[in-house]
Protein backbone atom coordinates (compact mmCIF):
# COMPACT_ATOMS: atom_id res chain seq x y z
CA UNK A 1 224.23 57.74 29.16
CA UNK A 2 221.25 59.83 30.24
CA UNK A 3 218.89 57.93 32.53
CA UNK A 4 216.19 60.62 32.35
CA UNK A 5 212.94 59.33 30.87
CA UNK A 6 211.18 61.31 28.17
CA UNK A 7 207.57 62.45 28.39
CA UNK A 8 206.17 59.31 26.75
CA UNK A 9 208.17 57.03 29.03
CA UNK A 10 206.99 58.94 32.10
CA UNK A 11 203.44 58.47 30.86
CA UNK A 12 204.07 54.72 30.62
CA UNK A 13 205.39 54.73 34.19
CA UNK A 14 202.27 56.50 35.45
CA UNK A 15 199.96 54.13 33.60
CA UNK A 16 201.83 51.10 34.94
CA UNK A 17 201.69 52.40 38.50
CA UNK A 18 197.99 53.18 38.16
CA UNK A 19 197.00 49.72 36.92
CA UNK A 20 199.19 47.61 39.19
CA UNK A 21 198.72 49.60 42.40
CA UNK A 22 194.98 49.79 41.82
CA UNK A 23 194.40 46.07 41.26
CA UNK A 24 197.17 43.96 42.79
CA UNK A 25 197.27 43.14 46.50
CA UNK A 26 198.92 40.24 48.36
CA UNK A 27 195.50 38.68 48.99
CA UNK A 28 194.62 38.92 45.30
CA UNK A 29 197.93 37.32 44.24
CA UNK A 30 197.37 34.50 46.73
CA UNK A 31 193.87 33.91 45.38
CA UNK A 32 195.09 33.77 41.76
CA UNK A 33 197.88 31.37 42.71
CA UNK A 34 195.21 29.01 44.08
CA UNK A 35 193.55 28.70 40.66
CA UNK A 36 194.48 26.03 38.11
CA UNK A 37 195.99 28.33 35.47
CA UNK A 38 197.41 30.97 37.89
CA UNK A 39 196.55 33.82 35.56
CA UNK A 40 194.99 37.11 36.71
CA UNK A 41 192.74 37.64 33.71
CA UNK A 42 191.13 40.80 35.09
CA UNK A 43 194.53 42.45 35.49
CA UNK A 44 195.47 41.31 31.99
CA UNK A 45 192.32 42.92 30.59
CA UNK A 46 193.04 46.17 32.40
CA UNK A 47 196.58 46.25 31.01
CA UNK A 48 195.11 45.83 27.53
CA UNK A 49 192.62 48.66 28.14
CA UNK A 50 195.51 50.90 29.20
CA UNK A 51 197.33 50.05 25.91
CA UNK A 52 200.23 48.56 27.87
CA UNK A 53 200.17 45.11 26.24
CA UNK A 54 200.69 46.68 22.82
CA UNK A 55 203.67 48.85 23.68
CA UNK A 56 206.20 46.84 21.64
CA UNK A 57 203.79 45.83 18.88
CA UNK A 58 204.27 47.80 15.63
CA UNK A 59 201.78 50.59 14.96
CA UNK A 60 200.57 48.75 11.85
CA UNK A 61 198.99 46.15 14.14
CA UNK A 62 197.51 48.60 16.62
CA UNK A 63 200.47 48.82 18.99
CA UNK A 64 202.70 51.62 20.16
CA UNK A 65 205.88 50.63 18.30
CA UNK A 66 208.09 51.17 21.37
CA UNK A 67 211.15 49.22 22.46
CA UNK A 68 212.91 47.56 25.38
CA UNK A 69 213.06 50.66 27.59
CA UNK A 70 209.28 51.05 27.59
CA UNK A 71 208.78 47.31 28.00
CA UNK A 72 211.22 47.31 30.93
CA UNK A 73 209.09 49.96 32.67
CA UNK A 74 206.08 47.64 32.50
CA UNK A 75 208.03 44.55 33.59
CA UNK A 76 209.55 46.47 36.50
CA UNK A 77 206.05 47.41 37.59
CA UNK A 78 204.98 43.77 37.47
CA UNK A 79 207.97 42.77 39.59
CA UNK A 80 207.09 45.29 42.27
CA UNK A 81 203.76 43.57 42.91
CA UNK A 82 204.75 40.03 41.74
CA UNK A 83 201.60 39.90 39.61
CA UNK A 84 200.78 36.43 38.21
CA UNK A 85 200.43 37.25 34.51
CA UNK A 86 202.37 36.05 31.40
CA UNK A 87 203.72 39.54 30.66
CA UNK A 88 207.42 38.73 30.15
CA UNK A 89 206.55 35.64 28.12
CA UNK A 90 204.02 37.34 25.84
CA UNK A 91 205.93 40.56 25.13
CA UNK A 92 209.65 39.84 25.55
CA UNK A 93 209.67 36.19 24.43
CA UNK A 94 206.88 36.34 21.87
CA UNK A 95 205.74 39.69 20.51
CA UNK A 96 209.19 41.23 20.00
CA UNK A 97 210.58 38.32 17.88
CA UNK A 98 207.36 37.97 15.87
CA UNK A 99 207.37 41.70 15.14
CA UNK A 100 211.02 41.57 14.07
CA UNK A 101 211.25 38.26 12.20
CA UNK A 102 207.73 36.93 11.65
CA UNK A 103 206.01 36.59 8.28
CA UNK A 104 203.19 38.98 7.46
CA UNK A 105 200.72 36.16 7.97
CA UNK A 106 202.09 35.26 11.41
CA UNK A 107 202.22 38.89 12.49
CA UNK A 108 198.64 39.50 11.38
CA UNK A 109 197.48 36.33 13.13
CA UNK A 110 198.90 37.07 16.59
CA UNK A 111 199.98 40.68 17.11
CA UNK A 112 196.55 42.37 17.09
CA UNK A 113 195.45 39.80 19.69
CA UNK A 114 198.42 40.68 21.88
CA UNK A 115 197.34 44.33 21.84
CA UNK A 116 193.75 43.46 22.79
CA UNK A 117 194.78 40.95 25.45
CA UNK A 118 193.22 38.02 23.60
CA UNK A 119 196.52 36.35 22.62
CA UNK A 120 199.23 34.95 24.87
CA UNK A 121 202.65 34.14 23.45
CA UNK A 122 205.79 32.51 24.81
CA UNK A 123 209.04 30.88 23.68
CA UNK A 124 211.03 27.76 24.55
CA UNK A 125 214.54 29.09 25.19
CA UNK A 126 215.62 26.93 28.13
CA UNK A 127 217.63 24.38 26.14
CA UNK A 128 219.33 27.04 24.00
CA UNK A 129 220.34 29.03 27.09
CA UNK A 130 221.59 25.85 28.77
CA UNK A 131 223.80 24.98 25.80
CA UNK A 132 225.23 28.51 25.72
CA UNK A 133 225.92 28.23 29.47
CA UNK A 134 228.43 25.43 28.89
CA UNK A 135 230.11 27.25 26.02
CA UNK A 136 228.11 25.60 23.25
CA UNK A 137 226.68 27.35 20.19
CA UNK A 138 223.12 27.35 21.54
CA UNK A 139 221.89 24.28 19.68
CA UNK A 140 218.17 23.55 20.19
CA UNK A 141 217.25 20.12 21.53
CA UNK A 142 214.13 19.81 19.35
CA UNK A 143 214.85 18.43 15.89
CA UNK A 144 213.15 19.36 12.63
CA UNK A 145 213.03 17.82 9.19
CA UNK A 146 212.08 19.71 6.06
CA UNK A 147 208.64 18.93 4.73
CA UNK A 148 206.83 20.13 1.65
CA UNK A 149 205.99 23.72 2.53
CA UNK A 150 207.20 23.60 6.13
CA UNK A 151 208.96 21.51 8.78
CA UNK A 152 208.09 18.60 11.05
CA UNK A 153 209.17 18.81 14.70
CA UNK A 154 210.15 16.03 17.08
CA UNK A 155 211.45 16.33 20.63
CA UNK A 156 210.72 18.05 23.93
CA UNK A 157 210.91 21.72 24.81
CA UNK A 158 211.39 21.90 28.56
CA UNK A 159 210.05 24.44 31.04
CA UNK A 160 208.23 26.74 28.62
CA UNK A 161 206.87 29.76 30.54
CA UNK A 162 203.06 29.80 30.58
CA UNK A 163 202.79 27.35 27.68
CA UNK A 164 199.43 26.17 29.09
CA UNK A 165 198.03 29.65 28.34
CA UNK A 166 199.78 30.31 25.04
CA UNK A 167 198.17 30.58 21.63
CA UNK A 168 201.62 30.26 20.01
CA UNK A 169 204.95 29.00 21.35
CA UNK A 170 208.14 30.01 19.54
CA UNK A 171 210.19 26.80 19.51
CA UNK A 172 213.83 26.83 18.31
CA UNK A 173 214.64 23.67 16.36
CA UNK A 174 217.75 22.20 14.74
CA UNK A 175 217.56 21.97 10.96
CA UNK A 176 220.17 21.32 8.26
CA UNK A 177 223.15 22.21 10.43
CA UNK A 178 221.52 25.42 11.59
CA UNK A 179 218.38 26.42 13.43
CA UNK A 180 214.95 27.86 12.81
CA UNK A 181 212.30 29.16 15.17
CA UNK A 182 208.84 27.74 14.63
CA UNK A 183 205.58 29.23 15.92
CA UNK A 184 203.81 26.17 17.31
CA UNK A 185 200.13 26.00 18.24
CA UNK A 186 200.01 24.07 21.58
CA UNK A 187 196.63 22.70 20.54
CA UNK A 188 197.93 21.22 17.28
CA UNK A 189 198.06 17.48 16.55
CA UNK A 190 201.15 15.85 18.03
CA UNK A 191 201.63 18.41 20.84
CA UNK A 192 201.38 17.28 24.46
CA UNK A 193 201.53 19.89 27.22
CA UNK A 194 202.89 18.46 30.50
CA UNK A 195 202.20 20.64 33.53
CA UNK A 196 205.23 21.70 35.59
CA UNK A 197 205.28 24.14 38.52
CA UNK A 198 208.29 26.38 39.17
CA UNK A 199 209.93 27.85 42.27
CA UNK A 200 207.80 30.99 42.20
CA UNK A 201 204.56 28.98 41.75
CA UNK A 202 204.21 29.78 38.05
CA UNK A 203 203.39 27.04 35.55
CA UNK A 204 206.11 26.35 32.97
CA UNK A 205 204.99 23.18 31.15
CA UNK A 206 207.12 20.82 29.11
CA UNK A 207 206.06 20.68 25.46
CA UNK A 208 206.34 17.22 23.88
CA UNK A 209 206.33 17.35 20.09
CA UNK A 210 205.71 14.21 18.06
CA UNK A 211 205.63 14.79 14.32
CA UNK A 212 204.21 18.30 14.61
CA UNK A 213 203.97 19.96 11.22
CA UNK A 214 204.56 23.71 11.02
CA UNK A 215 204.02 25.52 7.69
CA UNK A 216 206.73 27.79 6.32
CA UNK A 217 204.80 31.00 7.03
CA UNK A 218 204.97 30.13 10.74
CA UNK A 219 208.78 30.14 10.76
CA UNK A 220 210.77 33.22 11.81
CA UNK A 221 213.29 34.82 9.44
CA UNK A 222 211.77 32.99 6.48
CA UNK A 223 212.78 29.61 7.89
CA UNK A 224 216.41 30.10 6.85
CA UNK A 225 218.56 27.77 9.05
CA UNK A 226 221.63 29.96 8.54
CA UNK A 227 219.80 32.87 10.20
CA UNK A 228 218.72 30.81 13.20
CA UNK A 229 221.72 31.47 15.49
CA UNK A 230 221.42 35.23 14.95
CA UNK A 231 217.69 35.15 15.65
CA UNK A 232 218.20 33.13 18.83
CA UNK A 233 220.82 35.52 20.22
CA UNK A 234 218.51 38.42 19.37
CA UNK A 235 215.70 36.72 21.27
CA UNK A 236 217.85 35.80 24.27
CA UNK A 237 219.30 39.28 24.69
CA UNK A 238 215.80 40.71 25.01
CA UNK A 239 214.61 37.83 27.17
CA UNK A 240 217.54 38.30 29.59
CA UNK A 241 217.06 42.07 29.70
CA UNK A 242 213.35 41.65 30.37
CA UNK A 243 214.12 39.33 33.29
CA UNK A 244 216.50 41.94 34.67
CA UNK A 245 213.68 44.50 34.60
CA UNK A 246 211.37 42.19 36.53
CA UNK A 247 214.15 41.57 39.06
CA UNK A 248 214.57 45.33 39.59
CA UNK A 249 210.93 45.58 40.61
CA UNK A 250 211.09 42.49 42.81
CA UNK A 251 214.20 43.61 44.69
CA UNK A 252 213.07 47.22 45.00
CA UNK A 253 209.72 46.26 46.52
CA UNK A 254 211.31 43.69 48.83
CA UNK A 255 213.76 46.28 50.18
CA UNK A 256 211.00 48.87 50.66
CA UNK A 257 208.78 46.40 52.52
CA UNK A 258 211.71 45.34 54.69
CA UNK A 259 212.56 48.93 55.60
CA UNK A 260 208.96 49.54 56.62
CA UNK A 261 208.92 46.33 58.68
CA UNK A 262 212.15 47.22 60.49
CA UNK A 263 210.88 50.71 61.25
CA UNK A 264 207.67 49.36 62.78
CA UNK A 265 209.09 46.37 64.67
CA UNK A 266 210.68 47.02 68.04
CA UNK A 267 213.16 45.15 70.25
CA UNK A 268 214.54 46.34 73.59
CA UNK A 269 212.34 49.40 73.22
CA UNK A 270 213.91 50.49 69.93
CA UNK A 271 212.89 50.02 66.28
CA UNK A 272 214.85 47.22 64.60
CA UNK A 273 215.94 49.71 61.96
CA UNK A 274 218.13 51.51 64.53
CA UNK A 275 220.42 48.51 65.02
CA UNK A 276 223.64 48.68 62.99
CA UNK A 277 223.39 45.11 61.72
CA UNK A 278 219.95 45.61 60.19
CA UNK A 279 220.92 48.99 58.75
CA UNK A 280 224.00 47.61 57.01
CA UNK A 281 222.22 44.53 55.67
CA UNK A 282 219.36 46.60 54.27
CA UNK A 283 221.78 49.10 52.76
CA UNK A 284 223.62 46.27 51.01
CA UNK A 285 220.32 45.02 49.56
CA UNK A 286 219.49 48.53 48.35
CA UNK A 287 222.91 48.84 46.69
CA UNK A 288 222.43 45.46 45.03
CA UNK A 289 219.07 46.67 43.71
CA UNK A 290 220.58 49.81 42.21
CA UNK A 291 223.33 47.72 40.60
CA UNK A 292 220.70 45.66 38.81
CA UNK A 293 218.80 48.81 37.82
CA UNK A 294 221.69 50.72 36.25
CA UNK A 295 223.05 47.72 34.31
CA UNK A 296 219.57 46.79 33.11
CA UNK A 297 218.92 50.29 31.72
CA UNK A 298 222.31 50.24 30.00
CA UNK A 299 221.41 46.98 28.26
CA UNK A 300 217.89 48.11 27.30
CA UNK A 301 219.14 51.44 25.96
CA UNK A 302 221.83 49.80 23.83
CA UNK A 303 219.33 47.31 22.40
CA UNK A 304 216.90 50.11 21.48
CA UNK A 305 219.63 52.17 19.83
CA UNK A 306 220.96 49.39 17.63
CA UNK A 307 224.29 49.16 19.45
CA UNK A 308 226.23 46.01 20.27
CA UNK A 309 224.63 45.01 23.57
CA UNK A 310 226.18 41.58 24.16
CA UNK A 311 228.45 42.64 27.02
CA UNK A 312 225.87 44.98 28.53
CA UNK A 313 223.23 42.24 28.56
CA UNK A 314 225.65 39.75 30.14
CA UNK A 315 226.66 42.23 32.84
CA UNK A 316 223.02 43.04 33.61
CA UNK A 317 222.04 39.37 33.65
CA UNK A 318 224.81 38.52 36.09
CA UNK A 319 223.83 41.34 38.43
CA UNK A 320 220.14 40.37 38.23
CA UNK A 321 220.97 36.77 39.10
CA UNK A 322 223.75 37.23 41.69
CA UNK A 323 222.81 40.53 43.34
CA UNK A 324 219.08 39.85 42.91
CA UNK A 325 219.06 36.62 44.88
CA UNK A 326 221.35 38.18 47.48
CA UNK A 327 218.93 41.09 47.95
CA UNK A 328 215.78 38.99 48.31
CA UNK A 329 217.56 36.56 50.65
CA UNK A 330 218.61 39.46 52.88
CA UNK A 331 215.11 40.94 52.96
CA UNK A 332 213.56 37.62 53.91
CA UNK A 333 216.23 37.04 56.57
CA UNK A 334 215.67 40.50 58.06
CA UNK A 335 212.02 39.61 58.63
CA UNK A 336 213.13 36.96 61.12
CA UNK A 337 210.46 34.39 61.87
CA UNK A 338 207.94 36.22 59.68
CA UNK A 339 210.22 35.65 56.72
CA UNK A 340 209.91 31.90 57.20
CA UNK A 341 206.11 32.09 56.92
CA UNK A 342 205.34 31.04 53.34
CA UNK A 343 202.00 32.87 53.50
CA UNK A 344 203.64 36.19 54.41
CA UNK A 345 204.12 38.54 51.39
CA UNK A 346 207.93 38.85 51.65
CA UNK A 347 208.31 35.12 51.02
CA UNK A 348 206.78 35.52 47.57
CA UNK A 349 209.43 38.09 46.65
CA UNK A 350 212.11 35.66 47.75
CA UNK A 351 210.62 32.98 45.49
CA UNK A 352 210.43 35.33 42.50
CA UNK A 353 214.00 36.52 43.02
CA UNK A 354 215.22 32.94 43.22
CA UNK A 355 213.30 31.92 40.10
CA UNK A 356 214.76 34.81 38.10
CA UNK A 357 218.24 33.95 39.37
CA UNK A 358 218.05 30.50 37.77
CA UNK A 359 215.80 31.12 34.74
CA UNK A 360 217.74 31.09 31.45
CA UNK A 361 221.05 30.56 33.25
CA UNK A 362 222.29 30.82 36.87
CA UNK A 363 224.90 33.42 37.97
CA UNK A 364 227.83 31.10 37.23
CA UNK A 365 226.60 30.60 33.66
CA UNK A 366 226.07 34.33 33.17
CA UNK A 367 229.54 35.09 34.49
CA UNK A 368 231.14 32.39 32.34
CA UNK A 369 229.42 33.77 29.24
CA UNK A 370 230.60 37.26 30.11
CA UNK A 371 234.15 35.99 30.53
CA UNK A 372 234.12 34.31 27.13
CA UNK A 373 232.79 37.50 25.55
CA UNK A 374 235.52 39.63 27.16
CA UNK A 375 238.23 37.21 26.02
CA UNK A 376 236.80 37.28 22.51
CA UNK A 377 236.84 41.08 22.48
CA UNK A 378 240.43 41.24 23.71
CA UNK A 379 241.65 38.67 21.19
CA UNK A 380 240.04 40.63 18.40
CA UNK A 381 241.86 43.77 19.52
CA UNK A 382 238.69 45.67 20.35
CA UNK A 383 238.28 47.83 23.44
CA UNK A 384 236.12 46.14 26.04
CA UNK A 385 233.16 48.29 27.10
CA UNK A 386 229.78 47.30 28.48
């Protein structure tokens, strides 16, 4: 495949770099993390002004109509500065599925707001990913019963990214032997949002649903339970790929900051970067970063071109989890005592890398899923290719 970006994609890169580098500093991130909602609203508004929040929204709703490659460029930029904004949740978890499977009414209600920065979206995929990790079919833990003109939801959706900020949460639910995805208003009757803080200091609340009614026009894919499993895999493949893009930015920035630190820090009259041990460890982290990058672009490209991306996404997810945490651990370790200081910037990259490693499935789960996919391909007689 050709990894060269076209003119429009290069323009996205430049816009991303301009917004993030101009607004995000370690001191600013620390200040935002000290607030109750941990949301940099000024940065969010600037991303909207630069038309970056609407990249994956269809043109009919004021967006750019782009795909995963363009979205990955934005998410990678966020990872480089570890900016506290619900970007992955709103675009990868929310806007993409609504644009693909939402009713006209749901699309009209939320997508223009995504473009303008007024609407935050997210999805509750933790339980589905956990079931897939143990070889299950991806059955949602929240139950639904059919109601006149909609469904009624009961259960708990755990660790929903930025649910405290969201205007809609896409909640997968079990229904009639299948599954549907319901767009739930967190402020609706019967919804309780329980605050929960994650490893990287983000807020991923638990959503308790007690008899929450959702009308049929707020269900993805027309509310057809037989379509639910396909919709969920579609959502997860883009969610996993988006996480990989964030991890590329996190690891890349951590390695760059570590190289600069080792060049400036001296021991025995020589820069730390001249010692073989530090050179080899940093080189390994750089190689790990490139492994995540190349597999992520393969997955994003296949998704955008309508190709079977299951193996490519699994490979990328495993590299992002396994190689990603290895890279950020090495960069923190190479900072010595400074790396142990939780107020020093490199520690935040370690936390983000660790969070991404475990979010929506740890490395062992990603590798197990990949193994099952390879076995399935071989048994079917198809050639295995990521």
